[in-house]
Amino acid sequence: MRGIDCRRLGLTLNVPLAPDARLILSDDALDQALELFLLAEAALWTTADGGLDGDPQKLGRSHYRAAFLLKRRPGLGVRALAQLTGLSKQGASRVLKELTQA
């Protein structure tokens, strides 16, 4: 196997020059994978919505997404939360306030 010589960096990387045929998917296979992701996302939100519907505090999807991200990334700020969830900074701030009150 020929590799790329990175002598300036003191490294020799053995990267194949031709892609591995096992890693190339046909358009049909990609379409099927995207369809499965879409269906999985729909099933996830159906389950989450079912749990949120009976919530007396009226927490919604934004609250669920924020709680999920805050658990995985402690110390996440309002700006970062807004960017990750697609909320405005004002919306993210409101969601955080409602979560702390819940």
C-alpha atoms as a PDB file:
ATOM      1  CA  MET A   1       0.000   0.000   0.000  1.00  0.00           C
ATOM      2  CA  ARG A   2       1.344   3.423  -0.912  1.00  0.00           C
ATOM      3  CA  GLY A   3       0.951   6.152   1.642  1.00  0.00           C
ATOM      4  CA  ILE A   4       1.265   9.889   1.995  1.00  0.00           C
ATOM      5  CA  ASP A   5       4.661  10.965   3.328  1.00  0.00           C
ATOM      6  CA  CYS A   6       4.424  13.815   5.825  1.00  0.00           C
ATOM      7  CA  ARG A   7       8.130  14.097   6.631  1.00  0.00           C
ATOM      8  CA  ARG A   8       7.868  17.731   7.666  1.00  0.00           C
ATOM      9  CA  LEU A   9       5.557  16.630  10.467  1.00  0.00           C
ATOM     10  CA  GLY A  10       7.593  13.555  11.226  1.00  0.00           C
ATOM     11  CA  LEU A  11       4.674  11.313  10.277  1.00  0.00           C
ATOM     12  CA  THR A  12       4.013   8.729   7.628  1.00  0.00           C
ATOM     13  CA  LEU A  13       0.302   8.163   7.013  1.00  0.00           C
ATOM     14  CA  ASN A  14      -0.743   5.012   5.234  1.00  0.00           C
ATOM     15  CA  VAL A  15      -3.853   6.168   3.435  1.00  0.00           C
ATOM     16  CA  PRO A  16      -5.118   4.106   0.514  1.00  0.00           C
ATOM     17  CA  LEU A  17      -5.251   6.099  -2.692  1.00  0.00           C
ATOM     18  CA  ALA A  18      -8.465   4.429  -3.915  1.00  0.00           C
ATOM     19  CA  PRO A  19     -11.639   4.311  -1.776  1.00  0.00           C
ATOM     20  CA  ASP A  20     -12.674   0.993  -0.324  1.00  0.00           C
ATOM     21  CA  ALA A  21     -15.562  -0.354  -2.422  1.00  0.00           C
ATOM     22  CA  ARG A  22     -17.262  -1.638   0.749  1.00  0.00           C
ATOM     23  CA  LEU A  23     -17.707   1.952   1.967  1.00  0.00           C
ATOM     24  CA  ILE A  24     -19.509   3.249  -1.119  1.00  0.00           C
ATOM     25  CA  LEU A  25     -23.305   3.041  -0.987  1.00  0.00           C
ATOM     26  CA  SER A  26     -25.637   3.151  -3.921  1.00  0.00           C
ATOM     27  CA  ASP A  27     -28.245   5.891  -4.205  1.00  0.00           C
ATOM     28  CA  ASP A  28     -30.952   3.382  -3.251  1.00  0.00           C
ATOM     29  CA  ALA A  29     -29.070   2.337  -0.111  1.00  0.00           C
ATOM     30  CA  LEU A  30     -28.574   5.992   0.881  1.00  0.00           C
ATOM     31  CA  ASP A  31     -32.265   6.730   0.289  1.00  0.00           C
ATOM     32  CA  GLN A  32     -33.254   3.757   2.459  1.00  0.00           C
ATOM     33  CA  ALA A  33     -30.905   4.886   5.246  1.00  0.00           C
ATOM     34  CA  LEU A  34     -32.297   8.436   5.160  1.00  0.00           C
ATOM     35  CA  GLU A  35     -35.839   7.057   5.240  1.00  0.00           C
ATOM     36  CA  LEU A  36     -34.973   4.966   8.313  1.00  0.00           C
ATOM     37  CA  PHE A  37     -33.513   8.021  10.071  1.00  0.00           C
ATOM     38  CA  LEU A  38     -36.655  10.004   9.285  1.00  0.00           C
ATOM     39  CA  LEU A  39     -38.930   7.241  10.587  1.00  0.00           C
ATOM     40  CA  ALA A  40     -36.791   6.795  13.705  1.00  0.00           C
ATOM     41  CA  GLU A  41     -36.961  10.532  14.413  1.00  0.00           C
ATOM     42  CA  ALA A  42     -40.741  10.504  13.981  1.00  0.00           C
ATOM     43  CA  ALA A  43     -41.037   7.555  16.391  1.00  0.00           C
ATOM     44  CA  LEU A  44     -38.816   9.318  18.916  1.00  0.00           C
ATOM     45  CA  TRP A  45     -40.897  12.501  18.859  1.00  0.00           C
ATOM     46  CA  THR A  46     -44.160  10.549  19.012  1.00  0.00           C
ATOM     47  CA  THR A  47     -42.911   8.860  22.181  1.00  0.00           C
ATOM     48  CA  ALA A  48     -41.604  12.116  23.648  1.00  0.00           C
ATOM     49  CA  ASP A  49     -44.819  13.973  22.798  1.00  0.00           C
ATOM     50  CA  GLY A  50     -46.872  11.226  24.451  1.00  0.00           C
ATOM     51  CA  GLY A  51     -44.939  11.706  27.669  1.00  0.00           C
ATOM     52  CA  LEU A  52     -45.120  15.475  27.462  1.00  0.00           C
ATOM     53  CA  ASP A  53     -48.875  15.631  26.751  1.00  0.00           C
ATOM     54  CA  GLY A  54     -49.778  14.490  30.258  1.00  0.00           C
ATOM     55  CA  ASP A  55     -47.345  16.899  31.923  1.00  0.00           C
ATOM     56  CA  PRO A  56     -49.250  19.300  34.206  1.00  0.00           C
ATOM     57  CA  GLN A  57     -46.422  21.860  33.913  1.00  0.00           C
ATOM     58  CA  LYS A  58     -46.953  22.098  30.131  1.00  0.00           C
ATOM     59  CA  LEU A  59     -43.345  21.434  29.183  1.00  0.00           C
ATOM     60  CA  GLY A  60     -42.831  20.841  25.471  1.00  0.00           C
ATOM     61  CA  ARG A  61     -40.263  19.730  22.922  1.00  0.00           C
ATOM     62  CA  SER A  62     -38.002  22.711  23.526  1.00  0.00           C
ATOM     63  CA  HIS A  63     -37.844  21.832  27.206  1.00  0.00           C
ATOM     64  CA  TYR A  64     -37.108  18.195  26.380  1.00  0.00           C
ATOM     65  CA  ARG A  65     -34.289  19.123  23.991  1.00  0.00           C
ATOM     66  CA  ALA A  66     -32.826  21.601  26.469  1.00  0.00           C
ATOM     67  CA  ALA A  67     -32.960  19.104  29.356  1.00  0.00           C
ATOM     68  CA  PHE A  68     -31.314  16.458  27.180  1.00  0.00           C
ATOM     69  CA  LEU A  69     -28.491  18.791  26.144  1.00  0.00           C
ATOM     70  CA  LEU A  70     -27.984  20.170  29.652  1.00  0.00           C
ATOM     71  CA  LYS A  71     -27.633  16.661  31.054  1.00  0.00           C
ATOM     72  CA  ARG A  72     -25.022  15.772  28.442  1.00  0.00           C
ATOM     73  CA  ARG A  73     -23.223  19.145  28.571  1.00  0.00           C
ATOM     74  CA  PRO A  74     -23.257  20.567  32.099  1.00  0.00           C
ATOM     75  CA  GLY A  75     -22.632  24.313  32.211  1.00  0.00           C
ATOM     76  CA  LEU A  76     -24.054  24.917  28.741  1.00  0.00           C
ATOM     77  CA  GLY A  77     -24.860  28.607  28.349  1.00  0.00           C
ATOM     78  CA  VAL A  78     -27.909  30.291  26.871  1.00  0.00           C
ATOM     79  CA  ARG A  79     -26.146  31.235  23.635  1.00  0.00           C
ATOM     80  CA  ALA A  80     -24.829  27.704  23.030  1.00  0.00           C
ATOM     81  CA  LEU A  81     -28.213  26.205  23.914  1.00  0.00           C
ATOM     82  CA  ALA A  82     -29.904  28.558  21.454  1.00  0.00           C
ATOM     83  CA  GLN A  83     -27.496  27.568  18.681  1.00  0.00           C
ATOM     84  CA  LEU A  84     -27.883  23.837  19.331  1.00  0.00           C
ATOM     85  CA  THR A  85     -31.681  23.867  19.544  1.00  0.00           C
ATOM     86  CA  GLY A  86     -32.471  26.487  16.918  1.00  0.00           C
ATOM     87  CA  LEU A  87     -34.173  28.703  19.487  1.00  0.00           C
ATOM     88  CA  SER A  88     -33.582  32.417  19.804  1.00  0.00           C
ATOM     89  CA  LYS A  89     -31.513  33.495  22.813  1.00  0.00           C
ATOM     90  CA  GLN A  90     -34.705  34.865  24.361  1.00  0.00           C
ATOM     91  CA  GLY A  91     -36.493  31.546  23.745  1.00  0.00           C
ATOM     92  CA  ALA A  92     -33.607  29.533  25.189  1.00  0.00           C
ATOM     93  CA  SER A  93     -33.549  31.778  28.249  1.00  0.00           C
ATOM     94  CA  ARG A  94     -37.300  31.301  28.737  1.00  0.00           C
ATOM     95  CA  VAL A  95     -36.982  27.525  28.414  1.00  0.00           C
ATOM     96  CA  LEU A  96     -34.156  27.458  30.982  1.00  0.00           C
ATOM     97  CA  LYS A  97     -36.202  29.577  33.393  1.00  0.00           C
ATOM     98  CA  GLU A  98     -39.228  27.285  33.010  1.00  0.00           C
ATOM     99  CA  LEU A  99     -37.065  24.186  33.534  1.00  0.00           C
ATOM    100  CA  THR A 100     -35.607  25.599  36.752  1.00  0.00           C
ATOM    101  CA  GLN A 101     -39.119  26.384  38.003  1.00  0.00           C
ATOM    102  CA  ALA A 102     -40.426  22.911  37.115  1.00  0.00           C
END
